[in-house]
């Protein structure tokens, strides 16, 4: 719930593997992202560490039920 209070956070997923939570967020600049992660997310109680991945390019494949004929 606290993560959704951070401006820029769009999606939160509980995941398996080495991470517990995957947060999708948007920022206009790298500086803005740095401030959000450091000054907002990093200060949330329970957040011990974070790792950021910057999306360079996205390609999607439609799901079968979404295919247009």
PDB file of N, CA and C in Angstrom:
ATOM      1  N   UNK A   1       0.825  -1.206   0.000  1.00  0.00           N
ATOM      2  CA  UNK A   1       0.000   0.000   0.000  1.00  0.00           C
ATOM      3  C   UNK A   1       0.866   1.265   0.000  1.00  0.00           C
ATOM      4  N   UNK A   2       1.964   1.230   0.758  1.00  0.00           N
ATOM      5  CA  UNK A   2       2.844   2.401   0.811  1.00  0.00           C
ATOM      6  C   UNK A   2       3.494   2.673  -0.545  1.00  0.00           C
ATOM      7  N   UNK A   3       3.807   1.619  -1.262  1.00  0.00           N
ATOM      8  CA  UNK A   3       4.439   1.796  -2.573  1.00  0.00           C
ATOM      9  C   UNK A   3       3.525   2.530  -3.547  1.00  0.00           C
ATOM     10  N   UNK A   4       2.225   2.256  -3.488  1.00  0.00           N
ATOM     11  CA  UNK A   4       1.296   2.927  -4.397  1.00  0.00           C
ATOM     12  C   UNK A   4       1.149   4.410  -4.076  1.00  0.00           C
ATOM     13  N   UNK A   5       1.589   4.836  -2.911  1.00  0.00           N
ATOM     14  CA  UNK A   5       1.557   6.257  -2.563  1.00  0.00           C
ATOM     15  C   UNK A   5       2.679   7.030  -3.255  1.00  0.00           C
ATOM     16  N   UNK A   6       3.671   6.314  -3.774  1.00  0.00           N
ATOM     17  CA  UNK A   6       4.796   6.955  -4.452  1.00  0.00           C
ATOM     18  C   UNK A   6       4.375   7.321  -5.870  1.00  0.00           C
ATOM     19  N   UNK A   7       4.459   8.594  -6.192  1.00  0.00           N
ATOM     20  CA  UNK A   7       4.101   9.074  -7.520  1.00  0.00           C
ATOM     21  C   UNK A   7       5.035   8.430  -8.542  1.00  0.00           C
ATOM     22  N   UNK A   8       4.502   7.785  -9.534  1.00  0.00           N
ATOM     23  CA  UNK A   8       5.314   7.118 -10.541  1.00  0.00           C
ATOM     24  C   UNK A   8       5.185   5.608 -10.494  1.00  0.00           C
ATOM     25  N   UNK A   9       4.792   5.057  -9.347  1.00  0.00           N
ATOM     26  CA  UNK A   9       4.610   3.610  -9.236  1.00  0.00           C
ATOM     27  C   UNK A   9       3.324   3.238  -9.956  1.00  0.00           C
ATOM     28  N   UNK A  10       3.419   2.284 -10.882  1.00  0.00           N
ATOM     29  CA  UNK A  10       2.265   1.890 -11.686  1.00  0.00           C
ATOM     30  C   UNK A  10       1.793   0.476 -11.408  1.00  0.00           C
ATOM     31  N   UNK A  11       2.704  -0.409 -11.017  1.00  0.00           N
ATOM     32  CA  UNK A  11       2.332  -1.807 -10.831  1.00  0.00           C
ATOM     33  C   UNK A  11       3.236  -2.428  -9.776  1.00  0.00           C
ATOM     34  N   UNK A  12       2.651  -3.280  -8.948  1.00  0.00           N
ATOM     35  CA  UNK A  12       3.401  -4.001  -7.926  1.00  0.00           C
ATOM     36  C   UNK A  12       3.046  -5.475  -8.057  1.00  0.00           C
ATOM     37  N   UNK A  13       4.067  -6.327  -8.164  1.00  0.00           N
ATOM     38  CA  UNK A  13       3.838  -7.768  -8.297  1.00  0.00           C
ATOM     39  C   UNK A  13       4.654  -8.510  -7.247  1.00  0.00           C
ATOM     40  N   UNK A  14       4.020  -9.460  -6.565  1.00  0.00           N
ATOM     41  CA  UNK A  14       4.747 -10.367  -5.684  1.00  0.00           C
ATOM     42  C   UNK A  14       5.295 -11.466  -6.577  1.00  0.00           C
ATOM     43  N   UNK A  15       6.600 -11.711  -6.496  1.00  0.00           N
ATOM     44  CA  UNK A  15       7.255 -12.636  -7.416  1.00  0.00           C
ATOM     45  C   UNK A  15       8.065 -13.691  -6.673  1.00  0.00           C
ATOM     46  N   UNK A  16       8.440 -14.728  -7.402  1.00  0.00           N
ATOM     47  CA  UNK A  16       9.318 -15.750  -6.844  1.00  0.00           C
ATOM     48  C   UNK A  16      10.744 -15.464  -7.307  1.00  0.00           C
ATOM     49  N   UNK A  17      11.703 -16.119  -6.683  1.00  0.00           N
ATOM     50  CA  UNK A  17      13.093 -15.917  -7.066  1.00  0.00           C
ATOM     51  C   UNK A  17      13.822 -15.067  -6.048  1.00  0.00           C
ATOM     52  N   UNK A  18      14.864 -14.388  -6.483  1.00  0.00           N
ATOM     53  CA  UNK A  18      15.694 -13.648  -5.527  1.00  0.00           C
ATOM     54  C   UNK A  18      15.051 -12.355  -5.045  1.00  0.00           C
ATOM     55  N   UNK A  19      13.990 -11.917  -5.692  1.00  0.00           N
ATOM     56  CA  UNK A  19      13.271 -10.722  -5.259  1.00  0.00           C
ATOM     57  C   UNK A  19      11.926 -11.119  -4.680  1.00  0.00           C
ATOM     58  N   UNK A  20      11.399 -10.300  -3.794  1.00  0.00           N
ATOM     59  CA  UNK A  20      10.072 -10.525  -3.224  1.00  0.00           C
ATOM     60  C   UNK A  20       9.004  -9.746  -3.979  1.00  0.00           C
ATOM     61  N   UNK A  21       9.374  -8.554  -4.416  1.00  0.00           N
ATOM     62  CA  UNK A  21       8.418  -7.655  -5.063  1.00  0.00           C
ATOM     63  C   UNK A  21       9.064  -7.041  -6.298  1.00  0.00           C
ATOM     64  N   UNK A  22       8.280  -6.926  -7.364  1.00  0.00           N
ATOM     65  CA  UNK A  22       8.714  -6.240  -8.571  1.00  0.00           C
ATOM     66  C   UNK A  22       7.808  -5.029  -8.744  1.00  0.00           C
ATOM     67  N   UNK A  23       8.399  -3.855  -8.780  1.00  0.00           N
ATOM     68  CA  UNK A  23       7.639  -2.614  -8.905  1.00  0.00           C
ATOM     69  C   UNK A  23       7.918  -2.013 -10.276  1.00  0.00           C
ATOM     70  N   UNK A  24       6.864  -1.731 -11.015  1.00  0.00           N
ATOM     71  CA  UNK A  24       7.003  -1.035 -12.287  1.00  0.00           C
ATOM     72  C   UNK A  24       6.681   0.425 -12.038  1.00  0.00           C
ATOM     73  N   UNK A  25       7.619   1.277 -12.400  1.00  0.00           N
ATOM     74  CA  UNK A  25       7.423   2.707 -12.175  1.00  0.00           C
ATOM     75  C   UNK A  25       7.885   3.484 -13.396  1.00  0.00           C
ATOM     76  N   UNK A  26       7.416   4.698 -13.499  1.00  0.00           N
ATOM     77  CA  UNK A  26       7.772   5.562 -14.610  1.00  0.00           C
ATOM     78  C   UNK A  26       8.314   6.870 -14.078  1.00  0.00           C
ATOM     79  N   UNK A  27       9.346   7.379 -14.741  1.00  0.00           N
ATOM     80  CA  UNK A  27       9.919   8.678 -14.405  1.00  0.00           C
ATOM     81  C   UNK A  27      10.337   9.342 -15.715  1.00  0.00           C
ATOM     82  N   UNK A  28      10.305  10.653 -15.732  1.00  0.00           N
ATOM     83  CA  UNK A  28      10.657  11.379 -16.952  1.00  0.00           C
ATOM     84  C   UNK A  28      12.161  11.386 -17.198  1.00  0.00           C
ATOM     85  N   UNK A  29      12.943  11.369 -16.114  1.00  0.00           N
ATOM     86  CA  UNK A  29      14.399  11.412 -16.234  1.00  0.00           C
ATOM     87  C   UNK A  29      15.029  10.419 -15.268  1.00  0.00           C
ATOM     88  N   UNK A  30      16.294  10.107 -15.499  1.00  0.00           N
ATOM     89  CA  UNK A  30      17.016   9.240 -14.570  1.00  0.00           C
ATOM     90  C   UNK A  30      17.157   9.902 -13.205  1.00  0.00           C
ATOM     91  N   UNK A  31      17.322  11.218 -13.194  1.00  0.00           N
ATOM     92  CA  UNK A  31      17.424  11.943 -11.927  1.00  0.00           C
ATOM     93  C   UNK A  31      16.130  11.817 -11.126  1.00  0.00           C
ATOM     94  N   UNK A  32      14.998  11.932 -11.803  1.00  0.00           N
ATOM     95  CA  UNK A  32      13.703  11.776 -11.134  1.00  0.00           C
ATOM     96  C   UNK A  32      13.553  10.355 -10.589  1.00  0.00           C
ATOM     97  N   UNK A  33      13.981   9.358 -11.370  1.00  0.00           N
ATOM     98  CA  UNK A  33      13.904   7.978 -10.904  1.00  0.00           C
ATOM     99  C   UNK A  33      14.791   7.780  -9.680  1.00  0.00           C
ATOM    100  N   UNK A  34      15.990   8.329  -9.722  1.00  0.00           N
ATOM    101  CA  UNK A  34      16.905   8.223  -8.587  1.00  0.00           C
ATOM    102  C   UNK A  34      16.272   8.806  -7.328  1.00  0.00           C
ATOM    103  N   UNK A  35      15.646   9.954  -7.449  1.00  0.00           N
ATOM    104  CA  UNK A  35      15.002  10.588  -6.291  1.00  0.00           C
ATOM    105  C   UNK A  35      13.842   9.744  -5.771  1.00  0.00           C
ATOM    106  N   UNK A  36      13.043   9.183  -6.672  1.00  0.00           N
ATOM    107  CA  UNK A  36      11.923   8.344  -6.243  1.00  0.00           C
ATOM    108  C   UNK A  36      12.412   7.114  -5.491  1.00  0.00           C
ATOM    109  N   UNK A  37      13.435   6.460  -6.036  1.00  0.00           N
ATOM    110  CA  UNK A  37      13.948   5.242  -5.406  1.00  0.00           C
ATOM    111  C   UNK A  37      14.649   5.569  -4.094  1.00  0.00           C
ATOM    112  N   UNK A  38      15.488   6.585  -4.085  1.00  0.00           N
ATOM    113  CA  UNK A  38      16.274   6.915  -2.893  1.00  0.00           C
ATOM    114  C   UNK A  38      15.466   7.625  -1.813  1.00  0.00           C
ATOM    115  N   UNK A  39      14.704   8.632  -2.217  1.00  0.00           N
ATOM    116  CA  UNK A  39      14.021   9.483  -1.239  1.00  0.00           C
ATOM    117  C   UNK A  39      12.635   8.998  -0.854  1.00  0.00           C
ATOM    118  N   UNK A  40      12.035   8.150  -1.649  1.00  0.00           N
ATOM    119  CA  UNK A  40      10.677   7.676  -1.346  1.00  0.00           C
ATOM    120  C   UNK A  40      10.662   6.182  -1.032  1.00  0.00           C
ATOM    121  N   UNK A  41      10.981   5.367  -2.027  1.00  0.00           N
ATOM    122  CA  UNK A  41      10.894   3.915  -1.853  1.00  0.00           C
ATOM    123  C   UNK A  41      11.890   3.424  -0.812  1.00  0.00           C
ATOM    124  N   UNK A  42      13.100   3.952  -0.845  1.00  0.00           N
ATOM    125  CA  UNK A  42      14.127   3.524   0.102  1.00  0.00           C
ATOM    126  C   UNK A  42      13.809   3.831   1.549  1.00  0.00           C
ATOM    127  N   UNK A  43      12.901   4.759   1.787  1.00  0.00           N
ATOM    128  CA  UNK A  43      12.538   5.145   3.153  1.00  0.00           C
ATOM    129  C   UNK A  43      11.312   4.412   3.680  1.00  0.00           C
ATOM    130  N   UNK A  44      10.680   3.589   2.858  1.00  0.00           N
ATOM    131  CA  UNK A  44       9.499   2.840   3.294  1.00  0.00           C
ATOM    132  C   UNK A  44       9.929   1.746   4.259  1.00  0.00           C
ATOM    133  N   UNK A  45       9.238   1.664   5.383  1.00  0.00           N
ATOM    134  CA  UNK A  45       9.538   0.654   6.395  1.00  0.00           C
ATOM    135  C   UNK A  45       9.436  -0.738   5.784  1.00  0.00           C
ATOM    136  N   UNK A  46      10.464  -1.542   5.962  1.00  0.00           N
ATOM    137  CA  UNK A  46      10.480  -2.894   5.428  1.00  0.00           C
ATOM    138  C   UNK A  46      11.295  -3.040   4.154  1.00  0.00           C
ATOM    139  N   UNK A  47      11.579  -1.932   3.479  1.00  0.00           N
ATOM    140  CA  UNK A  47      12.424  -1.989   2.283  1.00  0.00           C
ATOM    141  C   UNK A  47      13.873  -2.031   2.745  1.00  0.00           C
ATOM    142  N   UNK A  48      14.526  -3.146   2.488  1.00  0.00           N
ATOM    143  CA  UNK A  48      15.907  -3.336   2.933  1.00  0.00           C
ATOM    144  C   UNK A  48      16.887  -2.959   1.829  1.00  0.00           C
ATOM    145  N   UNK A  49      16.554  -3.332   0.608  1.00  0.00           N
ATOM    146  CA  UNK A  49      17.412  -2.985  -0.525  1.00  0.00           C
ATOM    147  C   UNK A  49      16.567  -2.948  -1.789  1.00  0.00           C
ATOM    148  N   UNK A  50      17.140  -2.390  -2.832  1.00  0.00           N
ATOM    149  CA  UNK A  50      16.446  -2.355  -4.116  1.00  0.00           C
ATOM    150  C   UNK A  50      17.465  -2.513  -5.233  1.00  0.00           C
ATOM    151  N   UNK A  51      16.976  -2.937  -6.366  1.00  0.00           N
ATOM    152  CA  UNK A  51      17.797  -3.040  -7.567  1.00  0.00           C
ATOM    153  C   UNK A  51      16.944  -2.521  -8.709  1.00  0.00           C
ATOM    154  N   UNK A  52      17.512  -1.664  -9.527  1.00  0.00           N
ATOM    155  CA  UNK A  52      16.749  -1.045 -10.607  1.00  0.00           C
ATOM    156  C   UNK A  52      17.150  -1.603 -11.960  1.00  0.00           C
ATOM    157  N   UNK A  53      16.171  -1.744 -12.816  1.00  0.00           N
ATOM    158  CA  UNK A  53      16.377  -2.165 -14.196  1.00  0.00           C
ATOM    159  C   UNK A  53      15.714  -1.116 -15.078  1.00  0.00           C
ATOM    160  N   UNK A  54      16.441  -0.611 -16.044  1.00  0.00           N
ATOM    161  CA  UNK A  54      15.895   0.408 -16.930  1.00  0.00           C
ATOM    162  C   UNK A  54      15.500  -0.257 -18.247  1.00  0.00           C
ATOM    163  N   UNK A  55      14.246  -0.099 -18.602  1.00  0.00           N
ATOM    164  CA  UNK A  55      13.717  -0.684 -19.834  1.00  0.00           C
ATOM    165  C   UNK A  55      14.191   0.152 -21.015  1.00  0.00           C
ATOM    166  N   UNK A  56      14.899  -0.492 -21.923  1.00  0.00           N
ATOM    167  CA  UNK A  56      15.437   0.214 -23.080  1.00  0.00           C
ATOM    168  C   UNK A  56      14.489   0.148 -24.283  1.00  0.00           C
ATOM    169  N   UNK A  57      13.876  -1.012 -24.460  1.00  0.00           N
ATOM    170  CA  UNK A  57      12.968  -1.210 -25.587  1.00  0.00           C
ATOM    171  C   UNK A  57      11.995  -2.310 -25.207  1.00  0.00           C
ATOM    172  N   UNK A  58      10.754  -2.158 -25.596  1.00  0.00           N
ATOM    173  CA  UNK A  58       9.736  -3.151 -25.279  1.00  0.00           C
ATOM    174  C   UNK A  58       9.115  -3.673 -26.564  1.00  0.00           C
ATOM    175  N   UNK A  59       8.980  -4.982 -26.624  1.00  0.00           N
ATOM    176  CA  UNK A  59       8.244  -5.619 -27.712  1.00  0.00           C
ATOM    177  C   UNK A  59       7.229  -6.535 -27.056  1.00  0.00           C
ATOM    178  N   UNK A  60       6.050  -6.582 -27.589  1.00  0.00           N
ATOM    179  CA  UNK A  60       5.017  -7.440 -27.017  1.00  0.00           C
ATOM    180  C   UNK A  60       4.439  -8.347 -28.095  1.00  0.00           C
ATOM    181  N   UNK A  61       3.979  -9.481 -27.644  1.00  0.00           N
ATOM    182  CA  UNK A  61       3.312 -10.440 -28.518  1.00  0.00           C
ATOM    183  C   UNK A  61       1.875 -10.542 -28.037  1.00  0.00           C
ATOM    184  N   UNK A  62       0.903 -10.365 -28.923  1.00  0.00           N
ATOM    185  CA  UNK A  62      -0.488 -10.443 -28.491  1.00  0.00           C
ATOM    186  C   UNK A  62      -0.824 -11.842 -27.975  1.00  0.00           C
ATOM    187  N   UNK A  63      -1.647 -11.890 -26.985  1.00  0.00           N
ATOM    188  CA  UNK A  63      -2.153 -13.167 -26.502  1.00  0.00           C
ATOM    189  C   UNK A  63      -3.110 -13.727 -27.544  1.00  0.00           C
ATOM    190  N   UNK A  64      -3.229 -15.054 -27.644  1.00  0.00           N
ATOM    191  CA  UNK A  64      -4.076 -15.655 -28.695  1.00  0.00           C
ATOM    192  C   UNK A  64      -5.497 -15.096 -28.743  1.00  0.00           C
ATOM    193  N   UNK A  65      -6.083 -14.858 -27.589  1.00  0.00           N
ATOM    194  CA  UNK A  65      -7.461 -14.367 -27.592  1.00  0.00           C
ATOM    195  C   UNK A  65      -7.552 -12.901 -27.993  1.00  0.00           C
ATOM    196  N   UNK A  66      -6.424 -12.240 -28.138  1.00  0.00           N
ATOM    197  CA  UNK A  66      -6.427 -10.830 -28.514  1.00  0.00           C
ATOM    198  C   UNK A  66      -6.072 -10.636 -29.990  1.00  0.00           C
ATOM    199  N   UNK A  67      -5.783 -11.709 -30.688  1.00  0.00           N
ATOM    200  CA  UNK A  67      -5.376 -11.615 -32.085  1.00  0.00           C
ATOM    201  C   UNK A  67      -6.544 -11.145 -32.947  1.00  0.00           C
ATOM    202  N   UNK A  68      -6.276 -10.136 -33.737  1.00  0.00           N
ATOM    203  CA  UNK A  68      -7.296  -9.627 -34.658  1.00  0.00           C
ATOM    204  C   UNK A  68      -7.192 -10.381 -35.971  1.00  0.00           C
ATOM    205  N   UNK A  69      -8.337 -10.708 -36.561  1.00  0.00           N
ATOM    206  CA  UNK A  69      -8.349 -11.420 -37.846  1.00  0.00           C
ATOM    207  C   UNK A  69      -8.825 -10.513 -38.939  1.00  0.00           C
TER     208      UNK A  69
END
